[in-house]
Amino acid sequence: MIDERKTQEWEQYVKNLGLTLQRERIAQGYSQEFVATSAGISGFTYRKLEHGESNPGTPANPRLRTLIALGRVLDIPIGKLLPE
């Protein structure tokens, strides 16, 4: 059985990740499409990550490879990309 508290913590974690992605992207003047294409993912996938979702109502669970690619595009270390 999935612990509801852990599920809520994960949902908040990925929402915070999405906010960080959005802030960094906007600060650098990049479009969502530019970041997505440069990281090798679809625009749809990137937009969902900024919202902390993989599908409506389902929290995101991005791959490590995707996170590293996004960090490279945004020129921030993965440790600063990820919430505490």
C-alpha atoms as a PDB file:
ATOM      1  CA  MET A   1       0.000   0.000   0.000  1.00  0.00           C
ATOM      2  CA  ILE A   2       1.333   3.429  -0.940  1.00  0.00           C
ATOM      3  CA  ASP A   3       1.813   5.813   1.961  1.00  0.00           C
ATOM      4  CA  GLU A   4      -0.372   8.882   1.254  1.00  0.00           C
ATOM      5  CA  ARG A   5       2.072  11.183   3.075  1.00  0.00           C
ATOM      6  CA  LYS A   6       4.971  10.035   0.892  1.00  0.00           C
ATOM      7  CA  THR A   7       2.841  10.520  -2.203  1.00  0.00           C
ATOM      8  CA  GLN A   8       2.030  14.085  -1.150  1.00  0.00           C
ATOM      9  CA  GLU A   9       5.700  14.762  -0.375  1.00  0.00           C
ATOM     10  CA  TRP A  10       6.685  13.534  -3.841  1.00  0.00           C
ATOM     11  CA  GLU A  11       3.991  15.654  -5.491  1.00  0.00           C
ATOM     12  CA  GLN A  12       5.317  18.739  -3.693  1.00  0.00           C
ATOM     13  CA  TYR A  13       8.911  17.815  -4.571  1.00  0.00           C
ATOM     14  CA  VAL A  14       8.223  17.596  -8.296  1.00  0.00           C
ATOM     15  CA  LYS A  15       6.149  20.799  -8.210  1.00  0.00           C
ATOM     16  CA  ASN A  16       9.154  22.545  -6.655  1.00  0.00           C
ATOM     17  CA  LEU A  17      11.379  21.051  -9.353  1.00  0.00           C
ATOM     18  CA  GLY A  18       8.987  22.394 -11.972  1.00  0.00           C
ATOM     19  CA  LEU A  19       9.071  25.864 -10.435  1.00  0.00           C
ATOM     20  CA  THR A  20      12.875  25.816 -10.473  1.00  0.00           C
ATOM     21  CA  LEU A  21      12.881  24.796 -14.130  1.00  0.00           C
ATOM     22  CA  GLN A  22      10.436  27.543 -14.973  1.00  0.00           C
ATOM     23  CA  ARG A  23      12.315  30.252 -13.036  1.00  0.00           C
ATOM     24  CA  GLU A  24      15.658  29.334 -14.594  1.00  0.00           C
ATOM     25  CA  ARG A  25      14.188  29.134 -18.089  1.00  0.00           C
ATOM     26  CA  ILE A  26      12.504  32.516 -17.808  1.00  0.00           C
ATOM     27  CA  ALA A  27      15.580  34.133 -16.229  1.00  0.00           C
ATOM     28  CA  GLN A  28      17.594  33.065 -19.272  1.00  0.00           C
ATOM     29  CA  GLY A  29      14.943  34.159 -21.747  1.00  0.00           C
ATOM     30  CA  TYR A  30      14.402  30.670 -23.170  1.00  0.00           C
ATOM     31  CA  SER A  31      11.137  29.307 -24.493  1.00  0.00           C
ATOM     32  CA  GLN A  32       9.828  25.972 -23.280  1.00  0.00           C
ATOM     33  CA  GLU A  33      10.286  24.594 -26.783  1.00  0.00           C
ATOM     34  CA  PHE A  34      13.935  25.686 -26.904  1.00  0.00           C
ATOM     35  CA  VAL A  35      14.738  24.036 -23.568  1.00  0.00           C
ATOM     36  CA  ALA A  36      12.890  20.867 -24.510  1.00  0.00           C
ATOM     37  CA  THR A  37      14.497  20.524 -27.929  1.00  0.00           C
ATOM     38  CA  SER A  38      17.958  21.306 -26.566  1.00  0.00           C
ATOM     39  CA  ALA A  39      17.520  18.680 -23.840  1.00  0.00           C
ATOM     40  CA  GLY A  40      16.285  16.072 -26.319  1.00  0.00           C
ATOM     41  CA  ILE A  41      12.733  15.795 -24.984  1.00  0.00           C
ATOM     42  CA  SER A  42       9.384  16.816 -26.423  1.00  0.00           C
ATOM     43  CA  GLY A  43       7.815  20.160 -25.686  1.00  0.00           C
ATOM     44  CA  PHE A  44       4.834  18.328 -24.186  1.00  0.00           C
ATOM     45  CA  THR A  45       7.086  16.446 -21.772  1.00  0.00           C
ATOM     46  CA  TYR A  46       8.900  19.612 -20.744  1.00  0.00           C
ATOM     47  CA  ARG A  47       5.665  21.545 -20.170  1.00  0.00           C
ATOM     48  CA  LYS A  48       4.407  18.715 -17.979  1.00  0.00           C
ATOM     49  CA  LEU A  49       7.672  18.765 -15.975  1.00  0.00           C
ATOM     50  CA  GLU A  50       7.231  22.478 -15.295  1.00  0.00           C
ATOM     51  CA  HIS A  51       3.836  21.610 -13.835  1.00  0.00           C
ATOM     52  CA  GLY A  52       5.200  18.678 -11.838  1.00  0.00           C
ATOM     53  CA  GLU A  53       3.144  16.155 -13.806  1.00  0.00           C
ATOM     54  CA  SER A  54       3.738  13.332 -16.222  1.00  0.00           C
ATOM     55  CA  ASN A  55       0.039  12.999 -17.063  1.00  0.00           C
ATOM     56  CA  PRO A  56      -2.848  15.020 -15.642  1.00  0.00           C
ATOM     57  CA  GLY A  57      -3.127  14.104 -11.979  1.00  0.00           C
ATOM     58  CA  THR A  58       0.026  11.968 -12.004  1.00  0.00           C
ATOM     59  CA  PRO A  59       3.192  13.372 -10.427  1.00  0.00           C
ATOM     60  CA  ALA A  60       6.266  13.578 -12.621  1.00  0.00           C
ATOM     61  CA  ASN A  61       9.085  11.080 -12.255  1.00  0.00           C
ATOM     62  CA  PRO A  62      11.778  12.375 -14.615  1.00  0.00           C
ATOM     63  CA  ARG A  63      14.725  10.230 -15.628  1.00  0.00           C
ATOM     64  CA  LEU A  64      18.174  11.131 -14.377  1.00  0.00           C
ATOM     65  CA  ARG A  65      19.315  11.537 -17.977  1.00  0.00           C
ATOM     66  CA  THR A  66      16.558  14.104 -18.558  1.00  0.00           C
ATOM     67  CA  LEU A  67      17.481  16.052 -15.421  1.00  0.00           C
ATOM     68  CA  ILE A  68      21.152  16.141 -16.410  1.00  0.00           C
ATOM     69  CA  ALA A  69      20.260  17.319 -19.922  1.00  0.00           C
ATOM     70  CA  LEU A  70      18.000  20.066 -18.540  1.00  0.00           C
ATOM     71  CA  GLY A  71      20.722  21.191 -16.145  1.00  0.00           C
ATOM     72  CA  ARG A  72      23.154  21.445 -19.043  1.00  0.00           C
ATOM     73  CA  VAL A  73      20.748  23.450 -21.182  1.00  0.00           C
ATOM     74  CA  LEU A  74      19.984  25.825 -18.312  1.00  0.00           C
ATOM     75  CA  ASP A  75      23.644  25.869 -17.256  1.00  0.00           C
ATOM     76  CA  ILE A  76      22.966  24.934 -13.659  1.00  0.00           C
ATOM     77  CA  PRO A  77      24.374  21.987 -11.707  1.00  0.00           C
ATOM     78  CA  ILE A  78      21.894  19.227 -11.035  1.00  0.00           C
ATOM     79  CA  GLY A  79      22.316  19.823  -7.296  1.00  0.00           C
ATOM     80  CA  LYS A  80      20.867  23.312  -7.716  1.00  0.00           C
ATOM     81  CA  LEU A  81      18.178  22.113 -10.078  1.00  0.00           C
ATOM     82  CA  LEU A  82      16.780  19.626  -7.578  1.00  0.00           C
ATOM     83  CA  PRO A  83      14.882  20.769  -4.491  1.00  0.00           C
ATOM     84  CA  GLU A  84      16.348  19.914  -1.089  1.00  0.00           C
END
